[in-house]
PDB file of N, CA and C in Angstrom:
ATOM      1  N   UNK A   1     -52.229  60.818  13.989  1.00  0.00           N
ATOM      2  CA  UNK A   1     -51.167  60.950  13.010  1.00  0.00           C
ATOM      3  C   UNK A   1     -51.520  60.269  11.689  1.00  0.00           C
ATOM      4  N   UNK A   2     -52.110  59.076  11.758  1.00  0.00           N
ATOM      5  CA  UNK A   2     -52.418  58.326  10.537  1.00  0.00           C
ATOM      6  C   UNK A   2     -53.331  59.117   9.609  1.00  0.00           C
ATOM      7  N   UNK A   3     -54.329  59.781  10.173  1.00  0.00           N
ATOM      8  CA  UNK A   3     -55.298  60.507   9.358  1.00  0.00           C
ATOM      9  C   UNK A   3     -54.670  61.664   8.589  1.00  0.00           C
ATOM     10  N   UNK A   4     -53.461  62.061   8.921  1.00  0.00           N
ATOM     11  CA  UNK A   4     -52.768  63.130   8.204  1.00  0.00           C
ATOM     12  C   UNK A   4     -52.166  62.654   6.879  1.00  0.00           C
ATOM     13  N   UNK A   5     -52.110  61.362   6.657  1.00  0.00           N
ATOM     14  CA  UNK A   5     -51.552  60.811   5.428  1.00  0.00           C
ATOM     15  C   UNK A   5     -52.655  60.577   4.403  1.00  0.00           C
ATOM     16  N   UNK A   6     -52.391  60.991   3.177  1.00  0.00           N
ATOM     17  CA  UNK A   6     -53.372  60.878   2.098  1.00  0.00           C
ATOM     18  C   UNK A   6     -53.830  59.430   1.886  1.00  0.00           C
ATOM     19  N   UNK A   7     -52.919  58.485   1.968  1.00  0.00           N
ATOM     20  CA  UNK A   7     -53.237  57.076   1.741  1.00  0.00           C
ATOM     21  C   UNK A   7     -54.278  56.556   2.747  1.00  0.00           C
ATOM     22  N   UNK A   8     -54.338  57.155   3.915  1.00  0.00           N
ATOM     23  CA  UNK A   8     -55.241  56.695   4.973  1.00  0.00           C
ATOM     24  C   UNK A   8     -56.578  57.435   4.956  1.00  0.00           C
ATOM     25  N   UNK A   9     -56.713  58.480   4.149  1.00  0.00           N
ATOM     26  CA  UNK A   9     -57.913  59.314   4.113  1.00  0.00           C
ATOM     27  C   UNK A   9     -59.175  58.521   3.775  1.00  0.00           C
ATOM     28  N   UNK A  10     -59.066  57.537   2.907  1.00  0.00           N
ATOM     29  CA  UNK A  10     -60.248  56.793   2.474  1.00  0.00           C
ATOM     30  C   UNK A  10     -60.919  56.026   3.614  1.00  0.00           C
ATOM     31  N   UNK A  11     -60.238  55.845   4.725  1.00  0.00           N
ATOM     32  CA  UNK A  11     -60.806  55.105   5.845  1.00  0.00           C
ATOM     33  C   UNK A  11     -61.628  55.971   6.788  1.00  0.00           C
ATOM     34  N   UNK A  12     -61.680  57.271   6.545  1.00  0.00           N
ATOM     35  CA  UNK A  12     -62.451  58.162   7.418  1.00  0.00           C
ATOM     36  C   UNK A  12     -63.920  57.758   7.494  1.00  0.00           C
ATOM     37  N   UNK A  13     -64.460  57.254   6.405  1.00  0.00           N
ATOM     38  CA  UNK A  13     -65.882  56.918   6.340  1.00  0.00           C
ATOM     39  C   UNK A  13     -66.188  55.482   6.777  1.00  0.00           C
ATOM     40  N   UNK A  14     -65.176  54.715   7.130  1.00  0.00           N
ATOM     41  CA  UNK A  14     -65.378  53.305   7.459  1.00  0.00           C
ATOM     42  C   UNK A  14     -64.972  52.994   8.889  1.00  0.00           C
ATOM     43  N   UNK A  15     -65.586  51.940   9.401  1.00  0.00           N
ATOM     44  CA  UNK A  15     -65.241  51.486  10.751  1.00  0.00           C
ATOM     45  C   UNK A  15     -64.130  50.450  10.650  1.00  0.00           C
ATOM     46  N   UNK A  16     -62.957  50.846  11.091  1.00  0.00           N
ATOM     47  CA  UNK A  16     -61.841  49.911  11.120  1.00  0.00           C
ATOM     48  C   UNK A  16     -61.354  49.808  12.557  1.00  0.00           C
ATOM     49  N   UNK A  17     -60.771  48.677  12.865  1.00  0.00           N
ATOM     50  CA  UNK A  17     -60.270  48.452  14.222  1.00  0.00           C
ATOM     51  C   UNK A  17     -58.798  48.073  14.160  1.00  0.00           C
ATOM     52  N   UNK A  18     -58.027  48.662  15.041  1.00  0.00           N
ATOM     53  CA  UNK A  18     -56.609  48.329  15.165  1.00  0.00           C
ATOM     54  C   UNK A  18     -56.497  47.011  15.920  1.00  0.00           C
ATOM     55  N   UNK A  19     -55.774  46.037  15.348  1.00  0.00           N
ATOM     56  CA  UNK A  19     -55.666  44.727  15.993  1.00  0.00           C
ATOM     57  C   UNK A  19     -54.252  44.375  16.442  1.00  0.00           C
ATOM     58  N   UNK A  20     -53.243  45.021  15.856  1.00  0.00           N
ATOM     59  CA  UNK A  20     -51.882  44.746  16.322  1.00  0.00           C
ATOM     60  C   UNK A  20     -50.943  45.890  15.951  1.00  0.00           C
ATOM     61  N   UNK A  21     -49.902  46.025  16.770  1.00  0.00           N
ATOM     62  CA  UNK A  21     -48.877  47.050  16.549  1.00  0.00           C
ATOM     63  C   UNK A  21     -47.515  46.450  16.853  1.00  0.00           C
ATOM     64  N   UNK A  22     -46.565  46.724  15.973  1.00  0.00           N
ATOM     65  CA  UNK A  22     -45.182  46.298  16.190  1.00  0.00           C
ATOM     66  C   UNK A  22     -44.286  47.511  15.944  1.00  0.00           C
ATOM     67  N   UNK A  23     -43.486  47.859  16.934  1.00  0.00           N
ATOM     68  CA  UNK A  23     -42.598  49.013  16.827  1.00  0.00           C
ATOM     69  C   UNK A  23     -41.152  48.526  16.872  1.00  0.00           C
ATOM     70  N   UNK A  24     -40.382  48.956  15.889  1.00  0.00           N
ATOM     71  CA  UNK A  24     -38.955  48.661  15.861  1.00  0.00           C
ATOM     72  C   UNK A  24     -38.215  49.988  15.886  1.00  0.00           C
ATOM     73  N   UNK A  25     -37.449  50.196  16.948  1.00  0.00           N
ATOM     74  CA  UNK A  25     -36.705  51.447  17.098  1.00  0.00           C
ATOM     75  C   UNK A  25     -35.234  51.192  16.811  1.00  0.00           C
ATOM     76  N   UNK A  26     -34.720  51.921  15.832  1.00  0.00           N
ATOM     77  CA  UNK A  26     -33.309  51.806  15.472  1.00  0.00           C
ATOM     78  C   UNK A  26     -32.493  52.903  16.140  1.00  0.00           C
ATOM     79  N   UNK A  27     -33.082  54.102  16.200  1.00  0.00           N
ATOM     80  CA  UNK A  27     -32.449  55.259  16.841  1.00  0.00           C
ATOM     81  C   UNK A  27     -33.532  56.036  17.572  1.00  0.00           C
ATOM     82  N   UNK A  28     -33.181  56.650  18.694  1.00  0.00           N
ATOM     83  CA  UNK A  28     -34.139  57.427  19.471  1.00  0.00           C
ATOM     84  C   UNK A  28     -34.467  58.734  18.765  1.00  0.00           C
ATOM     85  N   UNK A  29     -35.745  59.112  18.849  1.00  0.00           N
ATOM     86  CA  UNK A  29     -36.160  60.413  18.337  1.00  0.00           C
ATOM     87  C   UNK A  29     -35.865  61.458  19.402  1.00  0.00           C
ATOM     88  N   UNK A  30     -35.501  62.642  18.961  1.00  0.00           N
ATOM     89  CA  UNK A  30     -35.165  63.721  19.887  1.00  0.00           C
ATOM     90  C   UNK A  30     -36.084  64.904  19.649  1.00  0.00           C
ATOM     91  N   UNK A  31     -36.308  65.691  20.692  1.00  0.00           N
ATOM     92  CA  UNK A  31     -37.157  66.882  20.596  1.00  0.00           C
ATOM     93  C   UNK A  31     -36.492  67.940  19.725  1.00  0.00           C
ATOM     94  N   UNK A  32     -37.334  68.791  19.169  1.00  0.00           N
ATOM     95  CA  UNK A  32     -36.884  69.937  18.369  1.00  0.00           C
ATOM     96  C   UNK A  32     -36.062  69.537  17.145  1.00  0.00           C
ATOM     97  N   UNK A  33     -36.396  68.404  16.567  1.00  0.00           N
ATOM     98  CA  UNK A  33     -35.756  67.941  15.329  1.00  0.00           C
ATOM     99  C   UNK A  33     -36.850  67.732  14.284  1.00  0.00           C
ATOM    100  N   UNK A  34     -36.471  67.839  13.038  1.00  0.00           N
ATOM    101  CA  UNK A  34     -37.411  67.575  11.951  1.00  0.00           C
ATOM    102  C   UNK A  34     -37.183  66.159  11.440  1.00  0.00           C
ATOM    103  N   UNK A  35     -38.299  65.455  11.265  1.00  0.00           N
ATOM    104  CA  UNK A  35     -38.253  64.089  10.768  1.00  0.00           C
ATOM    105  C   UNK A  35     -39.151  63.975   9.546  1.00  0.00           C
ATOM    106  N   UNK A  36     -38.849  63.015   8.709  1.00  0.00           N
ATOM    107  CA  UNK A  36     -39.683  62.730   7.550  1.00  0.00           C
ATOM    108  C   UNK A  36     -40.361  61.388   7.805  1.00  0.00           C
ATOM    109  N   UNK A  37     -41.663  61.336   7.525  1.00  0.00           N
ATOM    110  CA  UNK A  37     -42.408  60.099   7.745  1.00  0.00           C
ATOM    111  C   UNK A  37     -42.991  59.606   6.424  1.00  0.00           C
ATOM    112  N   UNK A  38     -42.993  58.284   6.274  1.00  0.00           N
ATOM    113  CA  UNK A  38     -43.538  57.658   5.072  1.00  0.00           C
ATOM    114  C   UNK A  38     -44.486  56.546   5.511  1.00  0.00           C
ATOM    115  N   UNK A  39     -45.716  56.583   4.981  1.00  0.00           N
ATOM    116  CA  UNK A  39     -46.713  55.561   5.295  1.00  0.00           C
ATOM    117  C   UNK A  39     -47.025  54.785   4.025  1.00  0.00           C
ATOM    118  N   UNK A  40     -46.954  53.459   4.120  1.00  0.00           N
ATOM    119  CA  UNK A  40     -47.291  52.607   2.980  1.00  0.00           C
ATOM    120  C   UNK A  40     -48.240  51.502   3.427  1.00  0.00           C
ATOM    121  N   UNK A  41     -49.101  51.102   2.501  1.00  0.00           N
ATOM    122  CA  UNK A  41     -49.949  49.938   2.738  1.00  0.00           C
ATOM    123  C   UNK A  41     -49.167  48.742   2.219  1.00  0.00           C
ATOM    124  N   UNK A  42     -48.729  47.914   3.131  1.00  0.00           N
ATOM    125  CA  UNK A  42     -47.853  46.796   2.776  1.00  0.00           C
ATOM    126  C   UNK A  42     -48.636  45.579   2.286  1.00  0.00           C
ATOM    127  N   UNK A  43     -49.858  45.405   2.803  1.00  0.00           N
ATOM    128  CA  UNK A  43     -50.619  44.216   2.447  1.00  0.00           C
ATOM    129  C   UNK A  43     -52.109  44.451   2.678  1.00  0.00           C
ATOM    130  N   UNK A  44     -52.918  43.897   1.786  1.00  0.00           N
ATOM    131  CA  UNK A  44     -54.371  43.870   1.946  1.00  0.00           C
ATOM    132  C   UNK A  44     -54.781  42.424   1.741  1.00  0.00           C
ATOM    133  N   UNK A  45     -55.438  41.851   2.740  1.00  0.00           N
ATOM    134  CA  UNK A  45     -55.814  40.439   2.651  1.00  0.00           C
ATOM    135  C   UNK A  45     -57.302  40.291   2.933  1.00  0.00           C
ATOM    136  N   UNK A  46     -58.038  39.769   1.962  1.00  0.00           N
ATOM    137  CA  UNK A  46     -59.467  39.533   2.116  1.00  0.00           C
ATOM    138  C   UNK A  46     -59.657  38.179   2.785  1.00  0.00           C
ATOM    139  N   UNK A  47     -60.297  38.187   3.948  1.00  0.00           N
ATOM    140  CA  UNK A  47     -60.602  36.955   4.661  1.00  0.00           C
ATOM    141  C   UNK A  47     -62.109  36.736   4.597  1.00  0.00           C
ATOM    142  N   UNK A  48     -62.624  35.702   5.232  1.00  0.00           N
ATOM    143  CA  UNK A  48     -64.041  35.364   5.103  1.00  0.00           C
ATOM    144  C   UNK A  48     -64.984  36.521   5.418  1.00  0.00           C
ATOM    145  N   UNK A  49     -64.849  37.105   6.604  1.00  0.00           N
ATOM    146  CA  UNK A  49     -65.806  38.124   7.030  1.00  0.00           C
ATOM    147  C   UNK A  49     -65.220  39.519   7.123  1.00  0.00           C
ATOM    148  N   UNK A  50     -63.952  39.656   6.858  1.00  0.00           N
ATOM    149  CA  UNK A  50     -63.336  40.978   6.970  1.00  0.00           C
ATOM    150  C   UNK A  50     -62.108  41.085   6.073  1.00  0.00           C
ATOM    151  N   UNK A  51     -61.635  42.311   5.951  1.00  0.00           N
ATOM    152  CA  UNK A  51     -60.399  42.575   5.217  1.00  0.00           C
ATOM    153  C   UNK A  51     -59.360  43.061   6.209  1.00  0.00           C
ATOM    154  N   UNK A  52     -58.142  42.530   6.090  1.00  0.00           N
ATOM    155  CA  UNK A  52     -57.051  42.930   6.978  1.00  0.00           C
ATOM    156  C   UNK A  52     -56.072  43.795   6.189  1.00  0.00           C
ATOM    157  N   UNK A  53     -55.762  44.967   6.738  1.00  0.00           N
ATOM    158  CA  UNK A  53     -54.833  45.908   6.123  1.00  0.00           C
ATOM    159  C   UNK A  53     -53.582  46.008   6.989  1.00  0.00           C
ATOM    160  N   UNK A  54     -52.427  45.947   6.370  1.00  0.00           N
ATOM    161  CA  UNK A  54     -51.165  46.124   7.082  1.00  0.00           C
ATOM    162  C   UNK A  54     -50.495  47.391   6.565  1.00  0.00           C
ATOM    163  N   UNK A  55     -50.286  48.337   7.473  1.00  0.00           N
ATOM    164  CA  UNK A  55     -49.636  49.601   7.148  1.00  0.00           C
ATOM    165  C   UNK A  55     -48.305  49.683   7.879  1.00  0.00           C
ATOM    166  N   UNK A  56     -47.334  50.317   7.227  1.00  0.00           N
ATOM    167  CA  UNK A  56     -46.027  50.530   7.839  1.00  0.00           C
ATOM    168  C   UNK A  56     -45.726  52.023   7.791  1.00  0.00           C
ATOM    169  N   UNK A  57     -45.465  52.589   8.966  1.00  0.00           N
ATOM    170  CA  UNK A  57     -45.055  53.979   9.090  1.00  0.00           C
ATOM    171  C   UNK A  57     -43.572  53.990   9.424  1.00  0.00           C
ATOM    172  N   UNK A  58     -42.794  54.637   8.570  1.00  0.00           N
ATOM    173  CA  UNK A  58     -41.355  54.739   8.804  1.00  0.00           C
ATOM    174  C   UNK A  58     -40.999  56.195   9.049  1.00  0.00           C
ATOM    175  N   UNK A  59     -40.200  56.426  10.077  1.00  0.00           N
ATOM    176  CA  UNK A  59     -39.790  57.778  10.445  1.00  0.00           C
ATOM    177  C   UNK A  59     -38.283  57.892  10.258  1.00  0.00           C
ATOM    178  N   UNK A  60     -37.903  58.888   9.471  1.00  0.00           N
ATOM    179  CA  UNK A  60     -36.499  59.090   9.095  1.00  0.00           C
ATOM    180  C   UNK A  60     -35.979  60.424   9.599  1.00  0.00           C
ATOM    181  N   UNK A  61     -34.712  60.454   9.951  1.00  0.00           N
ATOM    182  CA  UNK A  61     -33.990  61.706  10.143  1.00  0.00           C
ATOM    183  C   UNK A  61     -32.932  61.710   9.048  1.00  0.00           C
ATOM    184  N   UNK A  62     -33.052  62.670   8.144  1.00  0.00           N
ATOM    185  CA  UNK A  62     -32.262  62.673   6.914  1.00  0.00           C
ATOM    186  C   UNK A  62     -32.595  61.381   6.181  1.00  0.00           C
ATOM    187  N   UNK A  63     -31.677  60.554   5.840  1.00  0.00           N
ATOM    188  CA  UNK A  63     -31.987  59.286   5.159  1.00  0.00           C
ATOM    189  C   UNK A  63     -31.819  58.085   6.076  1.00  0.00           C
ATOM    190  N   UNK A  64     -31.772  58.330   7.367  1.00  0.00           N
ATOM    191  CA  UNK A  64     -31.545  57.286   8.355  1.00  0.00           C
ATOM    192  C   UNK A  64     -32.873  56.856   8.987  1.00  0.00           C
ATOM    193  N   UNK A  65     -33.227  55.581   8.829  1.00  0.00           N
ATOM    194  CA  UNK A  65     -34.464  55.065   9.409  1.00  0.00           C
ATOM    195  C   UNK A  65     -34.328  55.000  10.925  1.00  0.00           C
ATOM    196  N   UNK A  66     -35.199  55.726  11.627  1.00  0.00           N
ATOM    197  CA  UNK A  66     -35.150  55.766  13.095  1.00  0.00           C
ATOM    198  C   UNK A  66     -36.145  54.804  13.727  1.00  0.00           C
ATOM    199  N   UNK A  67     -37.375  54.795  13.206  1.00  0.00           N
ATOM    200  CA  UNK A  67     -38.433  53.960  13.780  1.00  0.00           C
ATOM    201  C   UNK A  67     -39.307  53.419  12.659  1.00  0.00           C
ATOM    202  N   UNK A  68     -39.717  52.168  12.807  1.00  0.00           N
ATOM    203  CA  UNK A  68     -40.673  51.545  11.903  1.00  0.00           C
ATOM    204  C   UNK A  68     -41.846  51.046  12.749  1.00  0.00           C
ATOM    205  N   UNK A  69     -43.051  51.456  12.378  1.00  0.00           N
ATOM    206  CA  UNK A  69     -44.254  51.044  13.109  1.00  0.00           C
ATOM    207  C   UNK A  69     -45.159  50.301  12.131  1.00  0.00           C
ATOM    208  N   UNK A  70     -45.406  49.031  12.417  1.00  0.00           N
ATOM    209  CA  UNK A  70     -46.290  48.219  11.587  1.00  0.00           C
ATOM    210  C   UNK A  70     -47.584  48.009  12.357  1.00  0.00           C
ATOM    211  N   UNK A  71     -48.703  48.353  11.707  1.00  0.00           N
ATOM    212  CA  UNK A  71     -49.996  48.179  12.361  1.00  0.00           C
ATOM    213  C   UNK A  71     -50.950  47.462  11.421  1.00  0.00           C
ATOM    214  N   UNK A  72     -51.753  46.574  12.026  1.00  0.00           N
ATOM    215  CA  UNK A  72     -52.764  45.860  11.265  1.00  0.00           C
ATOM    216  C   UNK A  72     -54.138  46.321  11.718  1.00  0.00           C
ATOM    217  N   UNK A  73     -54.995  46.555  10.726  1.00  0.00           N
ATOM    218  CA  UNK A  73     -56.368  46.982  10.960  1.00  0.00           C
ATOM    219  C   UNK A  73     -57.290  45.984  10.286  1.00  0.00           C
ATOM    220  N   UNK A  74     -58.493  45.831  10.836  1.00  0.00           N
ATOM    221  CA  UNK A  74     -59.501  45.015  10.164  1.00  0.00           C
ATOM    222  C   UNK A  74     -60.722  45.873   9.896  1.00  0.00           C
ATOM    223  N   UNK A  75     -61.391  45.529   8.809  1.00  0.00           N
ATOM    224  CA  UNK A  75     -62.638  46.181   8.429  1.00  0.00           C
ATOM    225  C   UNK A  75     -63.661  45.080   8.188  1.00  0.00           C
ATOM    226  N   UNK A  76     -64.727  45.074   8.981  1.00  0.00           N
ATOM    227  CA  UNK A  76     -65.776  44.067   8.851  1.00  0.00           C
ATOM    228  C   UNK A  76     -66.659  44.403   7.666  1.00  0.00           C
ATOM    229  N   UNK A  77     -67.027  43.387   6.877  1.00  0.00           N
ATOM    230  CA  UNK A  77     -67.907  43.594   5.730  1.00  0.00           C
ATOM    231  C   UNK A  77     -67.384  44.672   4.806  1.00  0.00           C
ATOM    232  N   UNK A  78     -66.108  44.631   4.546  1.00  0.00           N
ATOM    233  CA  UNK A  78     -65.421  45.725   3.865  1.00  0.00           C
ATOM    234  C   UNK A  78     -65.697  45.787   2.375  1.00  0.00           C
ATOM    235  N   UNK A  79     -65.368  46.944   1.833  1.00  0.00           N
ATOM    236  CA  UNK A  79     -65.456  47.174   0.398  1.00  0.00           C
ATOM    237  C   UNK A  79     -64.104  46.931  -0.254  1.00  0.00           C
ATOM    238  N   UNK A  80     -63.109  46.617   0.536  1.00  0.00           N
ATOM    239  CA  UNK A  80     -61.738  46.376   0.075  1.00  0.00           C
ATOM    240  C   UNK A  80     -61.180  47.603  -0.635  1.00  0.00           C
ATOM    241  N   UNK A  81     -60.749  48.544   0.140  1.00  0.00           N
ATOM    242  CA  UNK A  81     -60.212  49.807  -0.369  1.00  0.00           C
ATOM    243  C   UNK A  81     -59.057  49.553  -1.324  1.00  0.00           C
ATOM    244  N   UNK A  82     -58.890  50.443  -2.284  1.00  0.00           N
ATOM    245  CA  UNK A  82     -57.813  50.261  -3.264  1.00  0.00           C
ATOM    246  C   UNK A  82     -56.654  51.200  -2.978  1.00  0.00           C
ATOM    247  N   UNK A  83     -55.446  50.706  -3.198  1.00  0.00           N
ATOM    248  CA  UNK A  83     -54.233  51.490  -2.958  1.00  0.00           C
ATOM    249  C   UNK A  83     -53.433  51.544  -4.236  1.00  0.00           C
TER     250      UNK A  83
END
């Protein structure tokens, strides 16, 4: 799913690893419904040997936030992608 978002496309050529996931569910998703998803890069932090990226995926039905998924990725020896 992440690779379908334009903001995440630049990572196709790099080795990144998922290190944590936090899911907050406000409302259950149901089958055969249309949802809108928004992905944002919330934080980029350069550490000694790697860069840590925090992305938040929010899934909405109409204007109602149903689920928020926060994931952190690390990139070793990174070029520090720009957002």
